[in-house]
Each structure stands twice: as structure tokens, then as C-alpha cells.
All heavy atoms as atom14 arrays in JSON, in Angstrom:
{
  "sequence": "LLDRRIIFVGGKGGVGKTTTAGALALMAADAGRATLLVSTDPAHSL",
  "atom14_mask": [
    [1, 1, 1, 1, 1, 1, 1, 1, 0, 0, 0, 0, 0, 0],
    [1, 1, 1, 1, 1, 1, 1, 1, 0, 0, 0, 0, 0, 0],
    [1, 1, 1, 1, 1, 1, 1, 1, 0, 0, 0, 0, 0, 0],
    [1, 1, 1, 1, 1, 1, 1, 1, 1, 1, 1, 0, 0, 0],
    [1, 1, 1, 1, 1, 1, 1, 1, 1, 1, 1, 0, 0, 0],
    [1, 1, 1, 1, 1, 1, 1, 1, 0, 0, 0, 0, 0, 0],
    [1, 1, 1, 1, 1, 1, 1, 1, 0, 0, 0, 0, 0, 0],
    [1, 1, 1, 1, 1, 1, 1, 1, 1, 1, 1, 0, 0, 0],
    [1, 1, 1, 1, 1, 1, 1, 0, 0, 0, 0, 0, 0, 0],
    [1, 1, 1, 1, 0, 0, 0, 0, 0, 0, 0, 0, 0, 0],
    [1, 1, 1, 1, 0, 0, 0, 0, 0, 0, 0, 0, 0, 0],
    [1, 1, 1, 1, 1, 1, 1, 1, 1, 0, 0, 0, 0, 0],
    [1, 1, 1, 1, 0, 0, 0, 0, 0, 0, 0, 0, 0, 0],
    [1, 1, 1, 1, 0, 0, 0, 0, 0, 0, 0, 0, 0, 0],
    [1, 1, 1, 1, 1, 1, 1, 0, 0, 0, 0, 0, 0, 0],
    [1, 1, 1, 1, 0, 0, 0, 0, 0, 0, 0, 0, 0, 0],
    [1, 1, 1, 1, 1, 1, 1, 1, 1, 0, 0, 0, 0, 0],
    [1, 1, 1, 1, 1, 1, 1, 0, 0, 0, 0, 0, 0, 0],
    [1, 1, 1, 1, 1, 1, 1, 0, 0, 0, 0, 0, 0, 0],
    [1, 1, 1, 1, 1, 1, 1, 0, 0, 0, 0, 0, 0, 0],
    [1, 1, 1, 1, 1, 0, 0, 0, 0, 0, 0, 0, 0, 0],
    [1, 1, 1, 1, 0, 0, 0, 0, 0, 0, 0, 0, 0, 0],
    [1, 1, 1, 1, 1, 0, 0, 0, 0, 0, 0, 0, 0, 0],
    [1, 1, 1, 1, 1, 1, 1, 1, 0, 0, 0, 0, 0, 0],
    [1, 1, 1, 1, 1, 0, 0, 0, 0, 0, 0, 0, 0, 0],
    [1, 1, 1, 1, 1, 1, 1, 1, 0, 0, 0, 0, 0, 0],
    [1, 1, 1, 1, 1, 1, 1, 1, 0, 0, 0, 0, 0, 0],
    [1, 1, 1, 1, 1, 0, 0, 0, 0, 0, 0, 0, 0, 0],
    [1, 1, 1, 1, 1, 0, 0, 0, 0, 0, 0, 0, 0, 0],
    [1, 1, 1, 1, 1, 1, 1, 1, 0, 0, 0, 0, 0, 0],
    [1, 1, 1, 1, 1, 0, 0, 0, 0, 0, 0, 0, 0, 0],
    [1, 1, 1, 1, 0, 0, 0, 0, 0, 0, 0, 0, 0, 0],
    [1, 1, 1, 1, 1, 1, 1, 1, 1, 1, 1, 0, 0, 0],
    [1, 1, 1, 1, 1, 0, 0, 0, 0, 0, 0, 0, 0, 0],
    [1, 1, 1, 1, 1, 1, 1, 0, 0, 0, 0, 0, 0, 0],
    [1, 1, 1, 1, 1, 1, 1, 1, 0, 0, 0, 0, 0, 0],
    [1, 1, 1, 1, 1, 1, 1, 1, 0, 0, 0, 0, 0, 0],
    [1, 1, 1, 1, 1, 1, 1, 0, 0, 0, 0, 0, 0, 0],
    [1, 1, 1, 1, 1, 1, 0, 0, 0, 0, 0, 0, 0, 0],
    [1, 1, 1, 1, 1, 1, 1, 0, 0, 0, 0, 0, 0, 0],
    [1, 1, 1, 1, 1, 1, 1, 1, 0, 0, 0, 0, 0, 0],
    [1, 1, 1, 1, 1, 1, 1, 0, 0, 0, 0, 0, 0, 0],
    [1, 1, 1, 1, 1, 0, 0, 0, 0, 0, 0, 0, 0, 0],
    [1, 1, 1, 1, 1, 1, 1, 1, 1, 1, 0, 0, 0, 0],
    [1, 1, 1, 1, 1, 1, 0, 0, 0, 0, 0, 0, 0, 0],
    [1, 1, 1, 1, 1, 1, 1, 1, 0, 0, 0, 0, 0, 0]
  ],
  "atom14_positions": [
    [[16.87, -34.04, 19.7], [16.05, -35.25, 19.62], [15.94, -35.76, 18.19], [16.15, -36.94, 17.91], [14.65, -34.97, 20.18], [13.66, -36.12, 20.1], [14.07, -37.26, 21.03], [12.25, -35.64, 20.47], [0.0, 0.0, 0.0], [0.0, 0.0, 0.0], [0.0, 0.0, 0.0], [0.0, 0.0, 0.0], [0.0, 0.0, 0.0], [0.0, 0.0, 0.0]],
    [[15.62, -34.88, 17.26], [15.38, -35.31, 15.88], [16.67, -35.61, 15.13], [16.62, -36.03, 13.97], [14.57, -34.24, 15.13], [13.17, -33.98, 15.7], [12.43, -32.95, 14.86], [12.36, -35.27, 15.77], [0.0, 0.0, 0.0], [0.0, 0.0, 0.0], [0.0, 0.0, 0.0], [0.0, 0.0, 0.0], [0.0, 0.0, 0.0], [0.0, 0.0, 0.0]],
    [[17.83, -35.39, 15.76], [19.09, -35.77, 15.13], [19.41, -37.25, 15.35], [20.32, -37.78, 14.72], [20.25, -34.93, 15.69], [20.16, -33.48, 15.23], [19.54, -33.25, 14.18], [20.71, -32.61, 15.93], [0.0, 0.0, 0.0], [0.0, 0.0, 0.0], [0.0, 0.0, 0.0], [0.0, 0.0, 0.0], [0.0, 0.0, 0.0], [0.0, 0.0, 0.0]],
    [[18.68, -37.88, 16.23], [18.9, -39.31, 16.47], [18.33, -40.12, 15.31], [17.58, -39.62, 14.47], [18.28, -39.73, 17.79], [19.01, -39.15, 19.02], [18.33, -39.59, 20.29], [19.08, -39.25, 21.48], [18.97, -38.12, 22.16], [18.14, -37.2, 21.71], [19.69, -37.9, 23.24], [0.0, 0.0, 0.0], [0.0, 0.0, 0.0], [0.0, 0.0, 0.0]],
    [[18.64, -41.42, 15.3], [18.18, -42.28, 14.21], [16.89, -43.01, 14.55], [16.12, -43.36, 13.66], [19.27, -43.31, 13.87], [20.35, -42.77, 12.95], [21.44, -43.78, 12.69], [20.98, -45.16, 12.69], [21.76, -46.2, 12.97], [23.01, -46.01, 13.3], [21.28, -47.43, 12.94], [0.0, 0.0, 0.0], [0.0, 0.0, 0.0], [0.0, 0.0, 0.0]],
    [[16.66, -43.26, 15.86], [15.48, -44.03, 16.28], [14.84, -43.33, 17.48], [15.52, -43.0, 18.45], [15.86, -45.47, 16.68], [16.56, -46.18, 15.52], [14.62, -46.26, 17.09], [17.18, -47.52, 15.91], [0.0, 0.0, 0.0], [0.0, 0.0, 0.0], [0.0, 0.0, 0.0], [0.0, 0.0, 0.0], [0.0, 0.0, 0.0], [0.0, 0.0, 0.0]],
    [[13.53, -43.13, 17.4], [12.78, -42.54, 18.51], [11.57, -43.42, 18.81], [10.81, -43.79, 17.9], [12.3, -41.11, 18.18], [13.49, -40.18, 17.94], [11.41, -40.57, 19.3], [13.09, -38.79, 17.47], [0.0, 0.0, 0.0], [0.0, 0.0, 0.0], [0.0, 0.0, 0.0], [0.0, 0.0, 0.0], [0.0, 0.0, 0.0], [0.0, 0.0, 0.0]],
    [[11.42, -43.77, 20.08], [10.22, -44.46, 20.54], [9.33, -43.44, 21.25], [9.81, -42.71, 22.13], [10.57, -45.57, 21.53], [11.2, -46.79, 20.9], [12.56, -46.84, 20.66], [10.41, -47.88, 20.54], [13.15, -47.95, 20.08], [10.99, -49.0, 19.97], [12.36, -49.04, 19.73], [0.0, 0.0, 0.0], [0.0, 0.0, 0.0], [0.0, 0.0, 0.0]],
    [[8.06, -43.39, 20.89], [7.09, -42.53, 21.57], [6.12, -43.44, 22.3], [5.43, -44.25, 21.68], [6.34, -41.62, 20.57], [5.34, -40.74, 21.32], [7.33, -40.75, 19.79], [0.0, 0.0, 0.0], [0.0, 0.0, 0.0], [0.0, 0.0, 0.0], [0.0, 0.0, 0.0], [0.0, 0.0, 0.0], [0.0, 0.0, 0.0], [0.0, 0.0, 0.0]],
    [[6.1, -43.35, 23.64], [5.29, -44.29, 24.41], [4.6, -43.64, 25.59], [4.86, -42.49, 25.94], [0.0, 0.0, 0.0], [0.0, 0.0, 0.0], [0.0, 0.0, 0.0], [0.0, 0.0, 0.0], [0.0, 0.0, 0.0], [0.0, 0.0, 0.0], [0.0, 0.0, 0.0], [0.0, 0.0, 0.0], [0.0, 0.0, 0.0], [0.0, 0.0, 0.0]],
    [[3.71, -44.4, 26.21], [2.96, -43.92, 27.36], [1.67, -44.7, 27.5], [1.4, -45.63, 26.73], [0.0, 0.0, 0.0], [0.0, 0.0, 0.0], [0.0, 0.0, 0.0], [0.0, 0.0, 0.0], [0.0, 0.0, 0.0], [0.0, 0.0, 0.0], [0.0, 0.0, 0.0], [0.0, 0.0, 0.0], [0.0, 0.0, 0.0], [0.0, 0.0, 0.0]],
    [[0.87, -44.31, 28.45], [-0.4, -44.98, 28.69], [-1.33, -44.82, 27.48], [-1.25, -43.84, 26.75], [-1.06, -44.38, 29.94], [-2.3, -45.13, 30.41], [-2.88, -44.48, 31.66], [-4.04, -45.31, 32.2], [-5.12, -45.49, 31.21], [0.0, 0.0, 0.0], [0.0, 0.0, 0.0], [0.0, 0.0, 0.0], [0.0, 0.0, 0.0], [0.0, 0.0, 0.0]],
    [[-2.18, -45.78, 27.28], [-3.13, -45.69, 26.18], [-4.0, -44.45, 26.28], [-4.49, -44.09, 27.35], [0.0, 0.0, 0.0], [0.0, 0.0, 0.0], [0.0, 0.0, 0.0], [0.0, 0.0, 0.0], [0.0, 0.0, 0.0], [0.0, 0.0, 0.0], [0.0, 0.0, 0.0], [0.0, 0.0, 0.0], [0.0, 0.0, 0.0], [0.0, 0.0, 0.0]],
    [[-4.17, -43.75, 25.16], [-5.07, -42.61, 25.12], [-4.48, -41.28, 25.5], [-5.2, -40.27, 25.56], [0.0, 0.0, 0.0], [0.0, 0.0, 0.0], [0.0, 0.0, 0.0], [0.0, 0.0, 0.0], [0.0, 0.0, 0.0], [0.0, 0.0, 0.0], [0.0, 0.0, 0.0], [0.0, 0.0, 0.0], [0.0, 0.0, 0.0], [0.0, 0.0, 0.0]],
    [[-3.16, -41.2, 25.74], [-2.56, -39.92, 26.16], [-2.15, -39.05, 24.97], [-1.79, -37.89, 25.15], [-1.34, -40.14, 27.08], [-1.76, -40.82, 28.37], [-0.25, -40.94, 26.37], [0.0, 0.0, 0.0], [0.0, 0.0, 0.0], [0.0, 0.0, 0.0], [0.0, 0.0, 0.0], [0.0, 0.0, 0.0], [0.0, 0.0, 0.0], [0.0, 0.0, 0.0]],
    [[-2.19, -39.6, 23.75], [-1.82, -38.82, 22.58], [-0.48, -39.19, 21.98], [0.19, -38.34, 21.37], [0.0, 0.0, 0.0], [0.0, 0.0, 0.0], [0.0, 0.0, 0.0], [0.0, 0.0, 0.0], [0.0, 0.0, 0.0], [0.0, 0.0, 0.0], [0.0, 0.0, 0.0], [0.0, 0.0, 0.0], [0.0, 0.0, 0.0], [0.0, 0.0, 0.0]],
    [[-0.1, -40.47, 22.08], [1.2, -40.91, 21.53], [1.24, -40.75, 20.02], [2.24, -40.28, 19.46], [1.46, -42.37, 21.91], [1.55, -42.65, 23.39], [1.93, -44.09, 23.67], [0.92, -45.07, 23.1], [-0.41, -44.95, 23.74], [0.0, 0.0, 0.0], [0.0, 0.0, 0.0], [0.0, 0.0, 0.0], [0.0, 0.0, 0.0], [0.0, 0.0, 0.0]],
    [[0.17, -41.18, 19.35], [0.17, -41.14, 17.88], [0.25, -39.71, 17.37], [0.98, -39.41, 16.43], [-1.09, -41.83, 17.33], [-1.12, -43.19, 17.79], [-1.1, -41.82, 15.81], [0.0, 0.0, 0.0], [0.0, 0.0, 0.0], [0.0, 0.0, 0.0], [0.0, 0.0, 0.0], [0.0, 0.0, 0.0], [0.0, 0.0, 0.0], [0.0, 0.0, 0.0]],
    [[-0.49, -38.8, 18.02], [-0.44, -37.39, 17.64], [0.97, -36.83, 17.81], [1.5, -36.15, 16.92], [-1.41, -36.58, 18.52], [-2.74, -37.06, 18.3], [-1.35, -35.1, 18.17], [0.0, 0.0, 0.0], [0.0, 0.0, 0.0], [0.0, 0.0, 0.0], [0.0, 0.0, 0.0], [0.0, 0.0, 0.0], [0.0, 0.0, 0.0], [0.0, 0.0, 0.0]],
    [[1.59, -37.14, 18.94], [2.96, -36.67, 19.2], [3.94, -37.25, 18.2], [4.78, -36.52, 17.64], [3.38, -37.04, 20.63], [2.46, -36.48, 21.57], [4.78, -36.55, 20.93], [0.0, 0.0, 0.0], [0.0, 0.0, 0.0], [0.0, 0.0, 0.0], [0.0, 0.0, 0.0], [0.0, 0.0, 0.0], [0.0, 0.0, 0.0], [0.0, 0.0, 0.0]],
    [[3.85, -38.56, 17.97], [4.76, -39.2, 17.02], [4.57, -38.61, 15.62], [5.55, -38.36, 14.9], [4.51, -40.71, 17.0], [0.0, 0.0, 0.0], [0.0, 0.0, 0.0], [0.0, 0.0, 0.0], [0.0, 0.0, 0.0], [0.0, 0.0, 0.0], [0.0, 0.0, 0.0], [0.0, 0.0, 0.0], [0.0, 0.0, 0.0], [0.0, 0.0, 0.0]],
    [[3.32, -38.4, 15.23], [3.05, -37.82, 13.91], [3.61, -36.42, 13.77], [4.18, -36.06, 12.73], [0.0, 0.0, 0.0], [0.0, 0.0, 0.0], [0.0, 0.0, 0.0], [0.0, 0.0, 0.0], [0.0, 0.0, 0.0], [0.0, 0.0, 0.0], [0.0, 0.0, 0.0], [0.0, 0.0, 0.0], [0.0, 0.0, 0.0], [0.0, 0.0, 0.0]],
    [[3.44, -35.6, 14.82], [3.96, -34.23, 14.77], [5.48, -34.21, 14.69], [6.07, -33.44, 13.91], [3.48, -33.45, 16.0], [0.0, 0.0, 0.0], [0.0, 0.0, 0.0], [0.0, 0.0, 0.0], [0.0, 0.0, 0.0], [0.0, 0.0, 0.0], [0.0, 0.0, 0.0], [0.0, 0.0, 0.0], [0.0, 0.0, 0.0], [0.0, 0.0, 0.0]],
    [[6.13, -35.07, 15.47], [7.6, -35.15, 15.42], [8.08, -35.62, 14.05], [9.05, -35.08, 13.51], [8.11, -36.1, 16.51], [8.03, -35.61, 17.95], [8.35, -36.75, 18.9], [8.98, -34.44, 18.18], [0.0, 0.0, 0.0], [0.0, 0.0, 0.0], [0.0, 0.0, 0.0], [0.0, 0.0, 0.0], [0.0, 0.0, 0.0], [0.0, 0.0, 0.0]],
    [[7.42, -36.63, 13.51], [7.81, -37.16, 12.21], [7.66, -36.1, 11.12], [8.52, -35.97, 10.24], [6.97, -38.39, 11.87], [0.0, 0.0, 0.0], [0.0, 0.0, 0.0], [0.0, 0.0, 0.0], [0.0, 0.0, 0.0], [0.0, 0.0, 0.0], [0.0, 0.0, 0.0], [0.0, 0.0, 0.0], [0.0, 0.0, 0.0], [0.0, 0.0, 0.0]],
    [[6.58, -35.35, 11.2], [6.36, -34.31, 10.19], [7.38, -33.19, 10.33], [7.87, -32.64, 9.32], [4.94, -33.76, 10.34], [4.38, -32.97, 9.16], [4.42, -33.77, 7.87], [2.94, -32.53, 9.46], [0.0, 0.0, 0.0], [0.0, 0.0, 0.0], [0.0, 0.0, 0.0], [0.0, 0.0, 0.0], [0.0, 0.0, 0.0], [0.0, 0.0, 0.0]],
    [[7.74, -32.84, 11.58], [8.79, -31.84, 11.8], [10.1, -32.27, 11.15], [10.76, -31.48, 10.47], [9.02, -31.64, 13.3], [7.96, -30.85, 14.03], [8.22, -30.92, 15.83], [9.89, -30.3, 15.97], [0.0, 0.0, 0.0], [0.0, 0.0, 0.0], [0.0, 0.0, 0.0], [0.0, 0.0, 0.0], [0.0, 0.0, 0.0], [0.0, 0.0, 0.0]],
    [[10.46, -33.54, 11.38], [11.72, -34.05, 10.81], [11.67, -34.06, 9.29], [12.64, -33.68, 8.62], [11.99, -35.45, 11.34], [0.0, 0.0, 0.0], [0.0, 0.0, 0.0], [0.0, 0.0, 0.0], [0.0, 0.0, 0.0], [0.0, 0.0, 0.0], [0.0, 0.0, 0.0], [0.0, 0.0, 0.0], [0.0, 0.0, 0.0], [0.0, 0.0, 0.0]],
    [[10.54, -34.49, 8.75], [10.4, -34.55, 7.29], [10.46, -33.16, 6.68], [11.1, -32.95, 5.64], [9.09, -35.24, 6.93], [0.0, 0.0, 0.0], [0.0, 0.0, 0.0], [0.0, 0.0, 0.0], [0.0, 0.0, 0.0], [0.0, 0.0, 0.0], [0.0, 0.0, 0.0], [0.0, 0.0, 0.0], [0.0, 0.0, 0.0], [0.0, 0.0, 0.0]],
    [[9.79, -32.2, 7.3], [9.82, -30.82, 6.79], [11.21, -30.23, 6.86], [11.55, -29.32, 6.09], [8.84, -29.94, 7.59], [7.38, -30.24, 7.28], [7.13, -30.92, 6.25], [6.5, -29.8, 8.04], [0.0, 0.0, 0.0], [0.0, 0.0, 0.0], [0.0, 0.0, 0.0], [0.0, 0.0, 0.0], [0.0, 0.0, 0.0], [0.0, 0.0, 0.0]],
    [[12.04, -30.74, 7.8], [13.42, -30.27, 7.91], [14.35, -30.98, 6.94], [15.56, -30.73, 6.94], [13.92, -30.46, 9.34], [0.0, 0.0, 0.0], [0.0, 0.0, 0.0], [0.0, 0.0, 0.0], [0.0, 0.0, 0.0], [0.0, 0.0, 0.0], [0.0, 0.0, 0.0], [0.0, 0.0, 0.0], [0.0, 0.0, 0.0], [0.0, 0.0, 0.0]],
    [[13.79, -31.87, 6.12], [14.59, -32.53, 5.09], [15.09, -33.91, 5.44], [15.84, -34.51, 4.67], [0.0, 0.0, 0.0], [0.0, 0.0, 0.0], [0.0, 0.0, 0.0], [0.0, 0.0, 0.0], [0.0, 0.0, 0.0], [0.0, 0.0, 0.0], [0.0, 0.0, 0.0], [0.0, 0.0, 0.0], [0.0, 0.0, 0.0], [0.0, 0.0, 0.0]],
    [[14.68, -34.45, 6.58], [15.12, -35.79, 6.98], [14.14, -36.84, 6.46], [12.93, -36.75, 6.71], [15.23, -35.91, 8.5], [16.21, -34.92, 9.12], [16.65, -35.4, 10.5], [17.59, -36.51, 10.39], [17.88, -37.35, 11.37], [17.26, -37.23, 12.52], [18.75, -38.31, 11.2], [0.0, 0.0, 0.0], [0.0, 0.0, 0.0], [0.0, 0.0, 0.0]],
    [[14.66, -37.81, 5.74], [13.82, -38.92, 5.28], [13.39, -39.73, 6.49], [14.22, -40.32, 7.19], [14.59, -39.79, 4.3], [0.0, 0.0, 0.0], [0.0, 0.0, 0.0], [0.0, 0.0, 0.0], [0.0, 0.0, 0.0], [0.0, 0.0, 0.0], [0.0, 0.0, 0.0], [0.0, 0.0, 0.0], [0.0, 0.0, 0.0], [0.0, 0.0, 0.0]],
    [[12.09, -39.77, 6.76], [11.57, -40.31, 8.02], [10.58, -41.43, 7.77], [9.7, -41.32, 6.92], [10.89, -39.2, 8.84], [11.82, -38.13, 9.05], [10.4, -39.73, 10.17], [0.0, 0.0, 0.0], [0.0, 0.0, 0.0], [0.0, 0.0, 0.0], [0.0, 0.0, 0.0], [0.0, 0.0, 0.0], [0.0, 0.0, 0.0], [0.0, 0.0, 0.0]],
    [[10.72, -42.5, 8.55], [9.76, -43.61, 8.53], [9.04, -43.63, 9.87], [9.67, -43.76, 10.92], [10.47, -44.94, 8.3], [9.58, -46.2, 8.35], [8.52, -46.17, 7.26], [10.43, -47.47, 8.22], [0.0, 0.0, 0.0], [0.0, 0.0, 0.0], [0.0, 0.0, 0.0], [0.0, 0.0, 0.0], [0.0, 0.0, 0.0], [0.0, 0.0, 0.0]],
    [[7.72, -43.49, 9.85], [6.89, -43.5, 11.05], [6.14, -44.82, 11.09], [5.37, -45.14, 10.18], [5.92, -42.32, 11.01], [4.86, -42.25, 12.12], [5.52, -42.19, 13.5], [3.96, -41.03, 11.91], [0.0, 0.0, 0.0], [0.0, 0.0, 0.0], [0.0, 0.0, 0.0], [0.0, 0.0, 0.0], [0.0, 0.0, 0.0], [0.0, 0.0, 0.0]],
    [[6.35, -45.6, 12.15], [5.8, -46.95, 12.25], [4.92, -47.07, 13.48], [5.37, -46.79, 14.6], [6.92, -48.01, 12.31], [6.32, -49.41, 12.43], [7.82, -47.92, 11.08], [0.0, 0.0, 0.0], [0.0, 0.0, 0.0], [0.0, 0.0, 0.0], [0.0, 0.0, 0.0], [0.0, 0.0, 0.0], [0.0, 0.0, 0.0], [0.0, 0.0, 0.0]],
    [[3.68, -47.49, 13.28], [2.78, -47.75, 14.41], [2.84, -49.23, 14.77], [2.69, -50.09, 13.91], [1.34, -47.38, 14.04], [0.45, -47.82, 15.04], [0.0, 0.0, 0.0], [0.0, 0.0, 0.0], [0.0, 0.0, 0.0], [0.0, 0.0, 0.0], [0.0, 0.0, 0.0], [0.0, 0.0, 0.0], [0.0, 0.0, 0.0], [0.0, 0.0, 0.0]],
    [[3.09, -49.51, 16.06], [3.11, -50.89, 16.54], [1.92, -51.18, 17.45], [1.82, -52.27, 18.02], [4.41, -51.19, 17.32], [4.43, -50.41, 18.52], [5.62, -50.85, 16.48], [0.0, 0.0, 0.0], [0.0, 0.0, 0.0], [0.0, 0.0, 0.0], [0.0, 0.0, 0.0], [0.0, 0.0, 0.0], [0.0, 0.0, 0.0], [0.0, 0.0, 0.0]],
    [[1.04, -50.21, 17.61], [-0.14, -50.37, 18.46], [-1.21, -51.15, 17.71], [-1.58, -50.76, 16.6], [-0.67, -48.99, 18.84], [-1.7, -49.05, 19.97], [-2.33, -50.12, 20.14], [-1.87, -48.05, 20.66], [0.0, 0.0, 0.0], [0.0, 0.0, 0.0], [0.0, 0.0, 0.0], [0.0, 0.0, 0.0], [0.0, 0.0, 0.0], [0.0, 0.0, 0.0]],
    [[-1.71, -52.28, 18.27], [-2.75, -53.03, 17.57], [-3.98, -52.18, 17.25], [-4.65, -52.41, 16.24], [-3.1, -54.14, 18.58], [-1.88, -54.31, 19.4], [-1.29, -52.92, 19.53], [0.0, 0.0, 0.0], [0.0, 0.0, 0.0], [0.0, 0.0, 0.0], [0.0, 0.0, 0.0], [0.0, 0.0, 0.0], [0.0, 0.0, 0.0], [0.0, 0.0, 0.0]],
    [[-4.28, -51.2, 18.1], [-5.4, -50.28, 17.83], [-4.87, -49.1, 17.03], [-4.74, -47.98, 17.52], [-6.02, -49.81, 19.14], [0.0, 0.0, 0.0], [0.0, 0.0, 0.0], [0.0, 0.0, 0.0], [0.0, 0.0, 0.0], [0.0, 0.0, 0.0], [0.0, 0.0, 0.0], [0.0, 0.0, 0.0], [0.0, 0.0, 0.0], [0.0, 0.0, 0.0]],
    [[-4.55, -49.36, 15.76], [-3.89, -48.35, 14.93], [-4.77, -47.11, 14.74], [-5.97, -47.22, 14.49], [-3.55, -48.93, 13.56], [-2.53, -50.04, 13.6], [-1.27, -49.86, 14.09], [-2.61, -51.33, 13.21], [-0.6, -51.01, 14.0], [-1.4, -51.91, 13.48], [0.0, 0.0, 0.0], [0.0, 0.0, 0.0], [0.0, 0.0, 0.0], [0.0, 0.0, 0.0]],
    [[-4.13, -45.94, 14.85], [-4.84, -44.69, 14.55], [-3.97, -43.75, 13.72], [-4.31, -42.58, 13.55], [-5.26, -44.0, 15.86], [-4.14, -43.78, 16.7], [0.0, 0.0, 0.0], [0.0, 0.0, 0.0], [0.0, 0.0, 0.0], [0.0, 0.0, 0.0], [0.0, 0.0, 0.0], [0.0, 0.0, 0.0], [0.0, 0.0, 0.0], [0.0, 0.0, 0.0]],
    [[-2.86, -44.28, 13.21], [-1.95, -43.46, 12.42], [-2.66, -42.91, 11.18], [-2.55, -41.72, 10.86], [-0.73, -44.28, 12.01], [0.43, -43.54, 11.37], [0.98, -42.48, 12.31], [1.53, -44.52, 10.98], [0.0, 0.0, 0.0], [0.0, 0.0, 0.0], [0.0, 0.0, 0.0], [0.0, 0.0, 0.0], [0.0, 0.0, 0.0], [0.0, 0.0, 0.0]]
  ]
}
């Protein structure tokens, strides 16, 4: 999964998308991949 260039993390509101996206982004960054994490949700919680 983290070898891809673009990942969308989605689902119903309140299920934990931001937490999941943040954890994945941090995993990739810790593995040495330069990562950009972008929130498109108007109710930002990043």
C-alpha cells in the first residue's frame, strides 16, 4: 500500500479517517518516504 504514490482514505463521517490517514502517513515518513498528508474535509481535524 505505502509503495503507491497516491492514497485516498475515506468512509462515513466519524469512523476515524483522519486518525488512519495520519498513522499511515507517519509510517511512510518513518520509513524514509517524503509524504504529503492533505485533509479535504471541511471539518478539519488533522
